[in-house]
N, C-alpha and C. Protein backbone atom coordinates (compact mmCIF):
# COMPACT_ATOMS: atom_id res chain seq x y z
N UNK A 1 -10.97 -9.52 13.27
CA UNK A 1 -10.65 -9.63 11.86
C UNK A 1 -9.30 -10.34 11.75
N UNK A 2 -9.27 -11.41 11.00
CA UNK A 2 -8.06 -12.23 10.89
C UNK A 2 -6.93 -11.55 10.13
N UNK A 3 -7.25 -10.77 9.13
CA UNK A 3 -6.25 -10.11 8.32
C UNK A 3 -6.60 -8.62 8.24
N UNK A 4 -6.30 -7.86 9.29
CA UNK A 4 -6.72 -6.46 9.32
C UNK A 4 -5.97 -5.60 8.30
N UNK A 5 -6.61 -4.52 7.90
CA UNK A 5 -5.95 -3.53 7.08
C UNK A 5 -4.93 -2.82 7.97
N UNK A 6 -3.67 -2.80 7.53
CA UNK A 6 -2.59 -2.24 8.35
C UNK A 6 -1.90 -1.04 7.70
N UNK A 7 -2.26 -0.72 6.46
CA UNK A 7 -1.58 0.36 5.75
C UNK A 7 -2.43 0.74 4.54
N UNK A 8 -2.39 2.00 4.15
CA UNK A 8 -3.03 2.42 2.91
C UNK A 8 -1.98 3.14 2.07
N UNK A 9 -2.25 3.26 0.78
CA UNK A 9 -1.32 3.95 -0.10
C UNK A 9 -2.11 4.74 -1.13
N UNK A 10 -1.69 5.99 -1.32
CA UNK A 10 -2.26 6.86 -2.33
C UNK A 10 -1.11 7.26 -3.25
N UNK A 11 -1.26 7.02 -4.53
CA UNK A 11 -0.16 7.28 -5.46
C UNK A 11 -0.63 8.09 -6.66
N UNK A 12 0.26 8.94 -7.15
CA UNK A 12 -0.03 9.74 -8.33
C UNK A 12 1.25 10.35 -8.89
N UNK A 13 1.15 10.98 -10.05
CA UNK A 13 2.34 11.48 -10.74
C UNK A 13 3.02 12.69 -10.10
N UNK A 14 2.37 13.37 -9.15
CA UNK A 14 2.97 14.53 -8.49
C UNK A 14 2.88 14.34 -6.98
N UNK A 15 3.87 13.64 -6.43
CA UNK A 15 3.88 13.33 -5.00
C UNK A 15 3.81 14.54 -4.11
N UNK A 16 4.56 15.58 -4.44
CA UNK A 16 4.56 16.80 -3.62
C UNK A 16 3.17 17.43 -3.57
N UNK A 17 2.48 17.41 -4.68
CA UNK A 17 1.13 17.97 -4.72
C UNK A 17 0.18 17.15 -3.85
N UNK A 18 0.31 15.81 -3.92
CA UNK A 18 -0.51 14.95 -3.08
C UNK A 18 -0.25 15.21 -1.60
N UNK A 19 1.02 15.37 -1.24
CA UNK A 19 1.37 15.64 0.16
C UNK A 19 0.68 16.92 0.63
N UNK A 20 0.81 17.97 -0.13
CA UNK A 20 0.19 19.24 0.22
C UNK A 20 -1.32 19.14 0.31
N UNK A 21 -1.91 18.43 -0.63
CA UNK A 21 -3.36 18.27 -0.66
C UNK A 21 -3.86 17.60 0.61
N UNK A 22 -3.30 16.44 0.95
CA UNK A 22 -3.78 15.69 2.12
C UNK A 22 -3.37 16.33 3.43
N UNK A 23 -2.24 16.99 3.47
CA UNK A 23 -1.84 17.72 4.67
C UNK A 23 -2.82 18.86 4.93
N UNK A 24 -3.17 19.60 3.87
CA UNK A 24 -4.10 20.73 4.02
C UNK A 24 -5.54 20.27 4.25
N UNK A 25 -5.95 19.19 3.59
CA UNK A 25 -7.32 18.70 3.71
C UNK A 25 -7.60 18.08 5.08
N UNK A 26 -6.72 17.17 5.51
CA UNK A 26 -6.98 16.40 6.72
C UNK A 26 -6.03 16.71 7.88
N UNK A 27 -5.01 17.54 7.65
CA UNK A 27 -4.04 17.83 8.70
C UNK A 27 -3.11 16.66 8.99
N UNK A 28 -2.94 15.77 8.02
CA UNK A 28 -2.09 14.59 8.22
C UNK A 28 -0.64 14.98 8.44
N UNK A 29 0.02 14.24 9.34
CA UNK A 29 1.46 14.37 9.57
C UNK A 29 2.14 13.45 8.54
N UNK A 30 2.90 14.03 7.63
CA UNK A 30 3.52 13.28 6.53
C UNK A 30 5.02 13.53 6.54
N UNK A 31 5.80 12.44 6.56
CA UNK A 31 7.26 12.54 6.61
C UNK A 31 7.88 11.74 5.47
N UNK A 32 9.00 12.24 4.93
CA UNK A 32 9.72 11.54 3.88
C UNK A 32 10.23 10.19 4.36
N UNK A 33 10.18 9.19 3.46
CA UNK A 33 10.62 7.84 3.82
C UNK A 33 11.51 7.23 2.75
N UNK A 34 11.89 7.98 1.76
CA UNK A 34 12.72 7.45 0.69
C UNK A 34 12.39 8.17 -0.60
N UNK A 35 13.07 7.79 -1.66
CA UNK A 35 12.80 8.46 -2.94
C UNK A 35 11.33 8.29 -3.35
N UNK A 36 10.65 9.39 -3.55
CA UNK A 36 9.28 9.39 -4.06
C UNK A 36 8.28 8.67 -3.15
N UNK A 37 8.57 8.57 -1.84
CA UNK A 37 7.66 7.92 -0.91
C UNK A 37 7.64 8.66 0.41
N UNK A 38 6.43 8.85 0.95
CA UNK A 38 6.25 9.56 2.22
C UNK A 38 5.30 8.75 3.09
N UNK A 39 5.54 8.75 4.41
CA UNK A 39 4.69 8.03 5.35
C UNK A 39 3.70 8.98 6.01
N UNK A 40 2.48 8.52 6.15
CA UNK A 40 1.42 9.24 6.84
C UNK A 40 1.30 8.60 8.22
N UNK A 41 1.47 9.38 9.27
CA UNK A 41 1.42 8.88 10.64
C UNK A 41 0.00 8.48 11.03
N UNK A 42 -0.14 7.31 11.64
CA UNK A 42 -1.44 6.86 12.13
C UNK A 42 -1.85 7.73 13.32
N UNK A 43 -3.16 7.93 13.47
CA UNK A 43 -3.63 8.70 14.61
C UNK A 43 -5.03 8.27 15.02
N UNK A 44 -5.32 8.38 16.29
CA UNK A 44 -6.64 8.16 16.88
C UNK A 44 -7.43 7.01 16.27
N UNK A 45 -6.90 5.80 16.37
CA UNK A 45 -7.62 4.62 15.91
C UNK A 45 -7.50 4.32 14.43
N UNK A 46 -6.89 5.20 13.67
CA UNK A 46 -6.72 4.97 12.24
C UNK A 46 -5.40 4.27 11.94
N UNK A 47 -5.27 3.76 10.75
CA UNK A 47 -4.02 3.14 10.33
C UNK A 47 -3.16 4.17 9.62
N UNK A 48 -1.87 3.98 9.67
CA UNK A 48 -0.96 4.83 8.93
C UNK A 48 -0.94 4.42 7.46
N UNK A 49 -0.30 5.25 6.66
CA UNK A 49 -0.26 4.93 5.25
C UNK A 49 0.92 5.55 4.55
N UNK A 50 0.83 5.62 3.26
CA UNK A 50 1.90 6.17 2.45
C UNK A 50 1.36 6.95 1.27
N UNK A 51 2.17 7.88 0.84
CA UNK A 51 1.90 8.62 -0.39
C UNK A 51 3.10 8.36 -1.30
N UNK A 52 2.81 7.99 -2.53
CA UNK A 52 3.87 7.61 -3.46
C UNK A 52 3.73 8.38 -4.76
N UNK A 53 4.85 8.78 -5.30
CA UNK A 53 4.88 9.37 -6.63
C UNK A 53 5.06 8.25 -7.64
N UNK A 54 4.12 8.14 -8.57
CA UNK A 54 4.21 7.10 -9.59
C UNK A 54 5.29 7.47 -10.61
N UNK A 55 5.76 6.47 -11.33
CA UNK A 55 6.81 6.67 -12.33
C UNK A 55 6.34 6.16 -13.69
N UNK A 56 6.94 6.68 -14.71
CA UNK A 56 6.68 6.24 -16.08
C UNK A 56 5.19 6.21 -16.40
N UNK A 57 4.70 5.09 -16.88
CA UNK A 57 3.29 4.96 -17.28
C UNK A 57 2.41 4.41 -16.16
N UNK A 58 2.95 4.32 -14.96
CA UNK A 58 2.18 3.78 -13.83
C UNK A 58 0.99 4.68 -13.53
N UNK A 59 -0.23 4.12 -13.46
CA UNK A 59 -1.41 4.96 -13.21
C UNK A 59 -1.50 5.37 -11.74
N UNK A 60 -2.26 6.41 -11.48
CA UNK A 60 -2.57 6.80 -10.10
C UNK A 60 -3.42 5.68 -9.50
N UNK A 61 -3.30 5.50 -8.18
CA UNK A 61 -4.10 4.47 -7.52
C UNK A 61 -4.24 4.75 -6.03
N UNK A 62 -5.22 4.08 -5.45
CA UNK A 62 -5.40 4.03 -4.00
C UNK A 62 -5.55 2.56 -3.66
N UNK A 63 -4.85 2.08 -2.64
CA UNK A 63 -4.97 0.68 -2.24
C UNK A 63 -4.83 0.56 -0.73
N UNK A 64 -5.21 -0.59 -0.23
CA UNK A 64 -5.02 -0.93 1.17
C UNK A 64 -4.15 -2.17 1.25
N UNK A 65 -3.48 -2.33 2.38
CA UNK A 65 -2.64 -3.49 2.63
C UNK A 65 -3.20 -4.27 3.81
N UNK A 66 -3.43 -5.56 3.61
CA UNK A 66 -3.89 -6.44 4.68
C UNK A 66 -2.71 -7.22 5.24
N UNK A 67 -2.75 -7.47 6.52
CA UNK A 67 -1.69 -8.23 7.19
C UNK A 67 -1.85 -9.72 6.90
N UNK A 68 -0.73 -10.40 6.73
CA UNK A 68 -0.73 -11.86 6.59
C UNK A 68 0.58 -12.40 7.14
N UNK A 69 0.55 -13.62 7.66
CA UNK A 69 1.77 -14.28 8.13
C UNK A 69 2.43 -15.08 7.03
N UNK A 70 1.73 -15.28 5.90
CA UNK A 70 2.20 -16.15 4.83
C UNK A 70 1.90 -15.53 3.47
N UNK A 71 2.84 -14.72 2.97
CA UNK A 71 2.63 -14.06 1.68
C UNK A 71 2.42 -15.08 0.55
N UNK A 72 3.29 -16.08 0.47
CA UNK A 72 3.19 -17.05 -0.61
C UNK A 72 1.88 -17.82 -0.55
N UNK A 73 1.50 -18.25 0.64
CA UNK A 73 0.26 -18.99 0.80
C UNK A 73 -0.96 -18.15 0.47
N UNK A 74 -0.94 -16.89 0.88
CA UNK A 74 -2.06 -16.00 0.58
C UNK A 74 -2.15 -15.75 -0.92
N UNK A 75 -1.01 -15.54 -1.58
CA UNK A 75 -1.03 -15.32 -3.03
C UNK A 75 -1.49 -16.58 -3.78
N UNK A 76 -1.15 -17.73 -3.26
CA UNK A 76 -1.64 -18.97 -3.87
C UNK A 76 -3.17 -19.03 -3.77
N UNK A 77 -3.69 -18.67 -2.62
CA UNK A 77 -5.15 -18.66 -2.42
C UNK A 77 -5.81 -17.61 -3.32
N UNK A 78 -5.15 -16.47 -3.51
CA UNK A 78 -5.66 -15.44 -4.42
C UNK A 78 -5.89 -16.06 -5.80
N UNK A 79 -4.90 -16.80 -6.29
CA UNK A 79 -5.02 -17.45 -7.60
C UNK A 79 -6.14 -18.46 -7.64
N UNK A 80 -6.30 -19.25 -6.58
CA UNK A 80 -7.37 -20.24 -6.51
C UNK A 80 -8.74 -19.59 -6.57
N UNK A 81 -8.84 -18.37 -6.05
CA UNK A 81 -10.12 -17.67 -5.99
C UNK A 81 -10.38 -16.76 -7.20
N UNK A 82 -9.48 -16.80 -8.19
CA UNK A 82 -9.69 -16.04 -9.41
C UNK A 82 -8.95 -14.72 -9.50
N UNK A 83 -8.06 -14.44 -8.56
CA UNK A 83 -7.24 -13.23 -8.62
C UNK A 83 -5.89 -13.56 -9.22
N UNK A 84 -5.02 -12.55 -9.27
CA UNK A 84 -3.67 -12.78 -9.81
C UNK A 84 -2.65 -11.92 -9.09
N UNK A 85 -1.45 -12.46 -8.94
CA UNK A 85 -0.35 -11.74 -8.32
C UNK A 85 0.11 -10.64 -9.27
N UNK A 86 0.30 -9.43 -8.72
CA UNK A 86 0.79 -8.29 -9.49
C UNK A 86 2.24 -8.00 -9.12
N UNK A 87 2.54 -8.03 -7.82
CA UNK A 87 3.91 -7.86 -7.32
C UNK A 87 4.19 -9.03 -6.39
N UNK A 88 5.21 -9.85 -6.69
CA UNK A 88 5.53 -10.98 -5.82
C UNK A 88 6.11 -10.48 -4.48
N UNK A 89 6.23 -11.36 -3.50
CA UNK A 89 6.80 -10.94 -2.22
C UNK A 89 8.13 -10.19 -2.42
N UNK A 90 8.20 -9.01 -1.82
CA UNK A 90 9.33 -8.11 -1.97
C UNK A 90 9.70 -7.55 -0.61
N UNK A 91 10.99 -7.52 -0.32
CA UNK A 91 11.45 -7.01 0.97
C UNK A 91 11.42 -5.48 1.02
N UNK A 92 10.98 -4.96 2.16
CA UNK A 92 11.10 -3.54 2.48
C UNK A 92 12.17 -3.52 3.57
N UNK A 93 13.43 -3.18 3.23
CA UNK A 93 14.52 -3.29 4.19
C UNK A 93 14.21 -2.65 5.54
N UNK A 94 14.42 -3.45 6.58
CA UNK A 94 14.23 -2.98 7.94
C UNK A 94 12.78 -2.89 8.38
N UNK A 95 11.83 -3.29 7.53
CA UNK A 95 10.41 -3.14 7.86
C UNK A 95 9.64 -4.44 7.75
N UNK A 96 9.82 -5.16 6.67
CA UNK A 96 9.07 -6.38 6.44
C UNK A 96 9.03 -6.73 4.97
N UNK A 97 7.93 -7.33 4.54
CA UNK A 97 7.77 -7.76 3.15
C UNK A 97 6.37 -7.39 2.67
N UNK A 98 6.23 -7.11 1.37
CA UNK A 98 4.92 -6.84 0.82
C UNK A 98 4.75 -7.57 -0.50
N UNK A 99 3.51 -7.68 -0.92
CA UNK A 99 3.16 -8.22 -2.23
C UNK A 99 1.86 -7.52 -2.62
N UNK A 100 1.49 -7.62 -3.89
CA UNK A 100 0.24 -7.02 -4.35
C UNK A 100 -0.45 -7.98 -5.30
N UNK A 101 -1.79 -7.95 -5.25
CA UNK A 101 -2.57 -8.80 -6.15
C UNK A 101 -3.75 -8.02 -6.73
N UNK A 102 -4.30 -8.55 -7.81
CA UNK A 102 -5.50 -8.00 -8.43
C UNK A 102 -6.65 -8.95 -8.11
N UNK A 103 -7.73 -8.42 -7.56
CA UNK A 103 -8.89 -9.26 -7.25
C UNK A 103 -9.73 -9.44 -8.52
N UNK A 104 -10.75 -10.31 -8.49
CA UNK A 104 -11.56 -10.53 -9.70
C UNK A 104 -12.26 -9.29 -10.23
N UNK A 105 -12.41 -8.26 -9.40
CA UNK A 105 -13.03 -7.01 -9.86
C UNK A 105 -12.05 -6.03 -10.45
N UNK A 106 -10.75 -6.38 -10.45
CA UNK A 106 -9.72 -5.52 -11.01
C UNK A 106 -9.04 -4.61 -10.00
N UNK A 107 -9.42 -4.69 -8.73
CA UNK A 107 -8.81 -3.86 -7.68
C UNK A 107 -7.43 -4.40 -7.30
N UNK A 108 -6.51 -3.50 -7.05
CA UNK A 108 -5.17 -3.88 -6.60
C UNK A 108 -5.14 -3.76 -5.08
N UNK A 109 -4.79 -4.85 -4.41
CA UNK A 109 -4.74 -4.92 -2.96
C UNK A 109 -3.34 -5.36 -2.56
N UNK A 110 -2.84 -4.78 -1.47
CA UNK A 110 -1.52 -5.15 -0.97
C UNK A 110 -1.60 -6.11 0.20
N UNK A 111 -0.53 -6.84 0.38
CA UNK A 111 -0.34 -7.70 1.53
C UNK A 111 0.92 -7.27 2.24
N UNK A 112 0.95 -7.40 3.57
CA UNK A 112 2.14 -7.01 4.34
C UNK A 112 2.42 -8.07 5.39
N UNK A 113 3.71 -8.38 5.55
CA UNK A 113 4.18 -9.28 6.59
C UNK A 113 5.42 -8.68 7.23
N UNK A 114 5.43 -8.65 8.54
CA UNK A 114 6.62 -8.14 9.26
C UNK A 114 7.73 -9.14 9.17
């Protein structure tokens, strides 16, 4: 797979409740990673992910992040194929860069580059 899924994200208005739910349901190892964000440790062939507390009017969501070497180029291709950029390339200090787009079906998908 040229652009594998490298991260998932589950977000909602009560981050602590989400952490407890997924920890109790699946036994996930979840550690704090910043304000309103927690990392889920990858295990046994699975990818790691994140749990995020949404703010203001932001809706709950679940998304995946695909790896890319060229955020700008990939977002340009998204537009050519009928999608739209939702979050432009943004730095995650000490980790890499991410962006998000909406596909023609309305799904929000993330991109990640180290």
